[in-house]
Amino acid sequence: MSNSPGIGTTSTRPSRAQRREEAARVLPERLPEPAPREAAQQATQAPAAAPRQTSAVTTSLEPKRGPAKEPLNTRILVNTSKRLNWFTSKNGYAVTQVVDVALQEFLDRNNVPDVDANGDITE
């Protein structure tokens, strides 16, 4: 088997054990110490609920909270897609925002009733 042509047996990927060893060596980033004035202010304030222990890396990964959304998968004409991509890139909007506004305007123009607080269509 060793004489067969091909890629060979040498791999540039680290083994699972090597990845575990490297992960054990990596230390999490530490947050900067607060300035002395800020530390004094924090000491005089009553402690609130215990803060969650998160690193600087995970705080940037927090999901953005917004209105509840549902996926909408559909196919559109190529010309419409190109126009939509042009509009979003030139104006800084997300496709989701543009589609939501366009659908809201379409439904309003066609007298489709709104949804009430319970999520039901009001007629």
Foldseek 3Di string as FASTA:
>chain_A
DQPDDDDHDDDPDDDPVVVVVVVVPDDADDDDDDDPVVVVVVVPDDDDPDDDDDGPVVVVVDDDDDDDDDDDDDDDDPVVVVVLVVVCVVPVHDSVVVVVVVVVVVCVVVPQADADPVRHGDD
